[in-house]
Amino acid sequence: MILVTGATGQLGRSVVQQLKQQLQNNEFAVLARNLEKAKPYVNEHIEVREGDFNQPESLVKAFQDVDKLLLISTMEMNRFEQHKNVIDAAREAGVQHVYYTGLSIQNIENSAVKDLMISHFQTEDYLKASGLKYTLLRNTMYAEAIPQIIGERVIDTGIQLSGGAGKVPYVLRAELGEAIANALIQNDHENKVYELVGSQTYSYQNIADELSQLKTIPVEYHDLTEEAYQQFLKRIGLPEFLIYLTHGTVVDIKHRQYEVQSQDLEQLLGRPSQSLKSMLASLYA
């Protein structure tokens, strides 16, 4: 039995969609804290197990008879403690293999968002030391984050941020979901680390050029200083946490933290990931 956590989130739904296409309903189940959000799965006759990452006893019960567990990382400030609860409960319940979705980055120690993202690597270390079989699925930045970071009015204002010439191997969530589902179904991924990154890397200038062609009007990239970009985020009214996360992520892009190269995703998909042109066409349809 495969159990997918985070199944009501966007990546989790992509994984489940792929599992549905390849497995029978009784071969996998989903974990949900909010059963109301999980009703669509019930309607599709997919088993929903109730569990809360902050309540270990609920997890031990939910993990019974599970062979493979997909731990999709949370975005809570106590993320490592939550993940630790999941891994401890998995070991107690007799789970054999835990798959964890982490972060693909060059050097977390130099990251501008280290305080938040270091928990991914704390989780990896804890999982490795647990005695459980593990598969570490380090995800690159979602292509879906592009519109969120460059802004809704990008056609009018251009791209205004401090990404320099740094590049990102963007991937659509659907592609990551498919690759992760394939890894769950297959049996040759024990104690391995995968960098799930796109086949090519793209800069914000590349994005501006593709949007110009897509929208048939010029879209310029204005490379701001890091300080000017932070002030810009404050002016548009972002909460402090989102300023920290957005600014830090873009600074990491500038410093080439996301320029990880790997064919792991291609191998799991059996094909190259989508091009920037194709991804932007779907995002801006």
Protein backbone atom coordinates (compact mmCIF):
# COMPACT_ATOMS: atom_id res chain seq x y z
CA MET A 1 0.00 0.00 0.00
CA ILE A 2 1.21 3.48 -0.94
CA LEU A 3 0.10 6.42 1.22
CA VAL A 4 0.36 10.02 -0.02
CA THR A 5 0.52 12.83 2.52
CA GLY A 6 -0.29 16.40 1.55
CA ALA A 7 -2.84 14.98 -0.86
CA THR A 8 -5.10 18.04 -0.73
CA GLY A 9 -2.23 20.32 -1.78
CA GLN A 10 -1.28 21.08 -5.36
CA LEU A 11 1.71 18.74 -5.67
CA GLY A 12 -0.12 16.01 -3.77
CA ARG A 13 -3.08 16.21 -6.15
CA SER A 14 -0.73 15.89 -9.11
CA VAL A 15 0.82 12.75 -7.63
CA VAL A 16 -2.57 11.19 -6.89
CA GLN A 17 -3.79 11.98 -10.41
CA GLN A 18 -0.87 10.00 -11.81
CA LEU A 19 -1.35 7.11 -9.37
CA LYS A 20 -4.99 6.88 -10.40
CA GLN A 21 -3.91 6.34 -14.00
CA GLN A 22 -1.48 3.55 -13.16
CA LEU A 23 -2.86 1.74 -10.09
CA GLN A 24 -6.09 0.37 -8.72
CA ASN A 25 -7.74 2.41 -5.96
CA ASN A 26 -7.00 -0.25 -3.35
CA GLU A 27 -3.26 0.02 -4.03
CA PHE A 28 -2.89 3.54 -2.63
CA ALA A 29 -4.55 5.86 -0.15
CA VAL A 30 -4.24 9.50 0.89
CA LEU A 31 -3.68 11.18 4.24
CA ALA A 32 -5.64 14.31 5.13
CA ARG A 33 -5.92 16.51 8.18
CA ASN A 34 -9.04 18.22 6.83
CA LEU A 35 -11.50 15.56 5.72
CA GLU A 36 -13.77 18.17 4.16
CA LYS A 37 -11.03 19.07 1.66
CA ALA A 38 -10.53 15.37 0.93
CA LYS A 39 -14.16 14.73 -0.05
CA PRO A 40 -13.34 14.63 -3.78
CA TYR A 41 -11.17 11.59 -3.10
CA VAL A 42 -13.98 9.89 -1.22
CA ASN A 43 -16.26 10.53 -4.18
CA GLU A 44 -13.67 8.84 -6.40
CA HIS A 45 -13.61 5.82 -4.03
CA ILE A 46 -10.04 6.53 -2.91
CA GLU A 47 -9.35 5.66 0.72
CA VAL A 48 -8.78 8.71 2.91
CA ARG A 49 -6.98 8.29 6.22
CA GLU A 50 -7.13 11.01 8.85
CA GLY A 51 -3.90 12.23 10.38
CA ASP A 52 -2.29 15.39 11.72
CA PHE A 53 1.47 15.99 11.55
CA ASN A 54 1.23 17.68 14.96
CA GLN A 55 -0.48 14.64 16.54
CA PRO A 56 1.86 11.61 16.28
CA GLU A 57 -0.69 9.17 17.67
CA SER A 58 -3.03 9.88 14.75
CA LEU A 59 -0.20 9.18 12.33
CA VAL A 60 0.70 5.79 13.79
CA LYS A 61 -2.91 4.71 13.30
CA ALA A 62 -3.07 6.12 9.76
CA PHE A 63 0.17 4.43 8.70
CA GLN A 64 -0.94 0.87 9.48
CA ASP A 65 -0.40 -1.55 6.55
CA VAL A 66 1.50 1.10 4.57
CA ASP A 67 4.61 -0.09 2.73
CA LYS A 68 5.59 3.13 0.96
CA LEU A 69 4.93 6.57 2.39
CA LEU A 70 5.25 9.80 0.42
CA LEU A 71 6.05 12.66 2.79
CA ILE A 72 5.31 15.88 0.93
CA SER A 73 7.00 18.67 2.84
CA THR A 74 4.88 21.26 4.64
CA MET A 75 5.34 25.04 4.72
CA GLU A 76 4.89 25.45 8.47
CA MET A 77 7.51 27.19 10.60
CA ASN A 78 7.82 24.00 12.69
CA ARG A 79 8.31 21.94 9.53
CA PHE A 80 11.16 19.79 10.84
CA GLU A 81 9.26 18.88 14.00
CA GLN A 82 6.27 17.88 11.87
CA HIS A 83 8.44 15.79 9.56
CA LYS A 84 10.15 14.18 12.54
CA ASN A 85 6.72 13.16 13.85
CA VAL A 86 5.91 11.55 10.50
CA ILE A 87 9.17 9.61 10.32
CA ASP A 88 8.88 8.42 13.93
CA ALA A 89 5.30 7.30 13.36
CA ALA A 90 6.26 5.54 10.14
CA ARG A 91 8.93 3.56 11.95
CA GLU A 92 6.53 2.67 14.77
CA ALA A 93 3.81 1.61 12.34
CA GLY A 94 6.12 -0.64 10.34
CA VAL A 95 6.36 1.43 7.16
CA GLN A 96 9.22 0.11 5.04
CA HIS A 97 10.09 3.03 2.75
CA VAL A 98 9.67 6.82 3.04
CA TYR A 99 9.90 9.15 0.05
CA TYR A 100 10.53 12.79 0.91
CA THR A 101 10.05 15.86 -1.30
CA GLY A 102 12.79 18.33 -0.46
CA LEU A 103 14.63 21.18 -2.19
CA SER A 104 17.12 21.17 -5.04
CA ILE A 105 19.67 23.91 -4.34
CA GLN A 106 23.42 24.34 -4.71
CA ASN A 107 24.35 25.17 -1.10
CA ILE A 108 21.75 25.64 1.61
CA GLU A 109 24.37 27.14 3.94
CA ASN A 110 24.68 30.17 1.64
CA SER A 111 20.96 30.52 0.92
CA ALA A 112 19.18 33.79 1.66
CA VAL A 113 16.27 31.71 2.98
CA LYS A 114 18.39 29.25 4.95
CA ASP A 115 16.39 29.79 8.16
CA LEU A 116 13.29 28.33 6.49
CA MET A 117 14.77 25.89 3.99
CA ILE A 118 17.38 24.25 6.22
CA SER A 119 14.55 22.12 7.62
CA HIS A 120 14.48 20.18 4.33
CA PHE A 121 18.03 18.99 4.95
CA GLN A 122 17.42 18.38 8.64
CA THR A 123 14.57 16.12 7.56
CA GLU A 124 16.79 14.31 5.07
CA ASP A 125 19.44 13.67 7.73
CA TYR A 126 16.87 12.46 10.23
CA LEU A 127 15.31 10.13 7.67
CA LYS A 128 18.70 8.69 6.71
CA ALA A 129 19.45 7.99 10.39
CA SER A 130 16.04 6.41 11.05
CA GLY A 131 16.88 2.99 9.65
CA LEU A 132 14.02 3.23 7.16
CA LYS A 133 14.55 2.88 3.45
CA TYR A 134 14.42 6.33 1.91
CA THR A 135 14.22 8.14 -1.40
CA LEU A 136 15.00 11.86 -1.43
CA LEU A 137 13.17 13.76 -4.16
CA ARG A 138 14.69 17.23 -4.31
CA ASN A 139 12.34 19.46 -6.27
CA THR A 140 13.35 22.54 -8.20
CA MET A 141 11.19 25.66 -8.37
CA TYR A 142 7.71 25.15 -9.79
CA ALA A 143 7.05 26.92 -13.09
CA GLU A 144 3.77 27.97 -11.51
CA ALA A 145 5.79 30.28 -9.25
CA ILE A 146 6.82 32.44 -12.20
CA PRO A 147 3.58 34.50 -12.41
CA GLN A 148 3.50 34.83 -8.62
CA ILE A 149 7.04 36.24 -8.46
CA ILE A 150 7.03 38.48 -11.54
CA GLY A 151 3.57 39.86 -10.74
CA GLU A 152 0.15 39.95 -12.36
CA ARG A 153 0.76 43.25 -14.17
CA VAL A 154 4.02 42.15 -15.76
CA ILE A 155 2.72 42.95 -19.27
CA ASP A 156 2.27 46.59 -18.22
CA THR A 157 5.25 47.07 -15.92
CA GLY A 158 7.80 44.58 -17.15
CA ILE A 159 9.67 42.22 -14.85
CA GLN A 160 11.05 44.15 -11.88
CA LEU A 161 13.22 42.16 -9.51
CA SER A 162 16.81 41.45 -8.58
CA GLY A 163 17.45 38.10 -10.24
CA GLY A 164 20.51 39.20 -12.19
CA ALA A 165 21.45 36.65 -14.86
CA GLY A 166 20.75 33.67 -12.62
CA LYS A 167 18.81 30.77 -14.08
CA VAL A 168 16.31 28.17 -12.85
CA PRO A 169 15.49 24.70 -14.28
CA TYR A 170 11.73 25.25 -13.91
CA VAL A 171 9.30 22.30 -13.97
CA LEU A 172 5.51 22.18 -13.98
CA ARG A 173 3.89 20.58 -10.93
CA ALA A 174 2.19 18.04 -13.18
CA GLU A 175 5.59 16.84 -14.39
CA LEU A 176 6.91 16.56 -10.85
CA GLY A 177 3.76 14.72 -9.82
CA GLU A 178 4.21 12.24 -12.66
CA ALA A 179 7.89 11.67 -11.86
CA ILE A 180 7.19 11.17 -8.15
CA ALA A 181 4.33 8.76 -8.89
CA ASN A 182 6.62 6.75 -11.16
CA ALA A 183 9.25 6.57 -8.41
CA LEU A 184 6.62 5.35 -5.94
CA ILE A 185 5.40 2.61 -8.25
CA GLN A 186 8.84 1.35 -9.24
CA ASN A 187 11.02 -0.69 -6.88
CA ASP A 188 14.59 0.40 -7.61
CA HIS A 189 14.87 3.71 -5.79
CA GLU A 190 15.90 2.66 -2.29
CA ASN A 191 18.34 4.95 -0.45
CA LYS A 192 18.82 7.23 -3.43
CA VAL A 193 18.81 10.99 -3.93
CA TYR A 194 17.19 12.54 -7.01
CA GLU A 195 17.51 16.12 -8.22
CA LEU A 196 14.17 16.73 -9.93
CA VAL A 197 15.11 19.66 -12.13
CA GLY A 198 14.12 20.71 -15.63
CA SER A 199 16.04 19.76 -18.74
CA GLN A 200 17.07 23.39 -19.35
CA THR A 201 17.67 26.48 -17.20
CA TYR A 202 16.10 29.88 -17.83
CA SER A 203 16.81 33.44 -16.68
CA TYR A 204 14.31 36.26 -16.13
CA GLN A 205 15.56 37.75 -19.41
CA ASN A 206 14.58 34.47 -21.11
CA ILE A 207 11.16 34.74 -19.49
CA ALA A 208 10.76 38.35 -20.64
CA ASP A 209 11.72 37.39 -24.21
CA GLU A 210 9.26 34.47 -24.32
CA LEU A 211 6.45 36.57 -22.84
CA SER A 212 7.12 39.25 -25.45
CA GLN A 213 6.56 36.68 -28.19
CA LEU A 214 3.60 35.10 -26.43
CA LYS A 215 1.81 38.41 -25.83
CA THR A 216 3.15 40.06 -29.02
CA ILE A 217 4.16 43.17 -27.06
CA PRO A 218 7.54 44.02 -25.52
CA VAL A 219 8.07 42.81 -21.95
CA GLU A 220 11.25 44.24 -20.44
CA TYR A 221 13.32 42.86 -17.61
CA HIS A 222 14.43 45.51 -15.12
CA ASP A 223 17.22 44.07 -12.96
CA LEU A 224 16.89 45.94 -9.66
CA THR A 225 19.40 46.07 -6.84
CA GLU A 226 18.60 43.76 -3.93
CA GLU A 227 17.74 46.76 -1.74
CA ALA A 228 15.50 48.35 -4.40
CA TYR A 229 13.68 45.04 -4.91
CA GLN A 230 13.04 44.69 -1.17
CA GLN A 231 11.60 48.22 -1.08
CA PHE A 232 9.46 47.39 -4.11
CA LEU A 233 7.98 44.36 -2.31
CA LYS A 234 7.18 46.54 0.70
CA ARG A 235 5.45 49.15 -1.48
CA ILE A 236 3.12 46.60 -3.02
CA GLY A 237 2.06 45.54 0.47
CA LEU A 238 3.37 42.01 0.87
CA PRO A 239 3.38 40.62 4.44
CA GLU A 240 6.81 40.42 6.10
CA PHE A 241 7.08 36.64 5.72
CA LEU A 242 6.34 36.79 1.98
CA ILE A 243 8.84 39.62 1.57
CA TYR A 244 11.47 37.45 3.26
CA LEU A 245 10.59 34.40 1.16
CA THR A 246 10.18 36.15 -2.20
CA HIS A 247 13.18 38.44 -1.83
CA GLY A 248 15.39 35.64 -0.52
CA THR A 249 14.35 33.26 -3.29
CA VAL A 250 15.10 35.81 -6.02
CA VAL A 251 18.45 36.66 -4.41
CA ASP A 252 19.26 32.93 -4.43
CA ILE A 253 18.40 32.83 -8.14
CA LYS A 254 20.74 35.78 -8.74
CA HIS A 255 23.53 33.90 -6.96
CA ARG A 256 22.84 30.81 -9.10
CA GLN A 257 21.68 28.65 -6.21
CA TYR A 258 19.06 26.95 -8.39
CA GLU A 259 21.36 26.11 -11.27
CA VAL A 260 21.44 22.40 -10.49
CA GLN A 261 21.88 20.10 -13.49
CA SER A 262 20.64 16.52 -13.51
CA GLN A 263 18.90 14.01 -15.78
CA ASP A 264 17.03 12.41 -12.89
CA LEU A 265 13.68 13.95 -13.83
CA GLU A 266 14.08 13.00 -17.48
CA GLN A 267 14.81 9.42 -16.49
CA LEU A 268 11.76 9.18 -14.23
CA LEU A 269 9.53 10.77 -16.89
CA GLY A 270 11.08 8.95 -19.81
CA ARG A 271 11.33 12.27 -21.72
CA PRO A 272 12.68 15.82 -21.38
CA SER A 273 10.67 18.31 -19.33
CA GLN A 274 8.62 20.97 -21.10
CA SER A 275 10.30 23.99 -22.66
CA LEU A 276 9.91 27.49 -21.24
CA LYS A 277 7.76 28.44 -24.22
CA SER A 278 5.41 25.55 -23.54
CA MET A 279 5.25 26.19 -19.81
CA LEU A 280 4.51 29.91 -20.21
CA ALA A 281 1.88 29.18 -22.85
CA SER A 282 0.01 26.97 -20.36
CA LEU A 283 0.48 29.39 -17.46
CA TYR A 284 -0.67 32.43 -19.42
CA ALA A 285 -3.40 30.79 -21.45
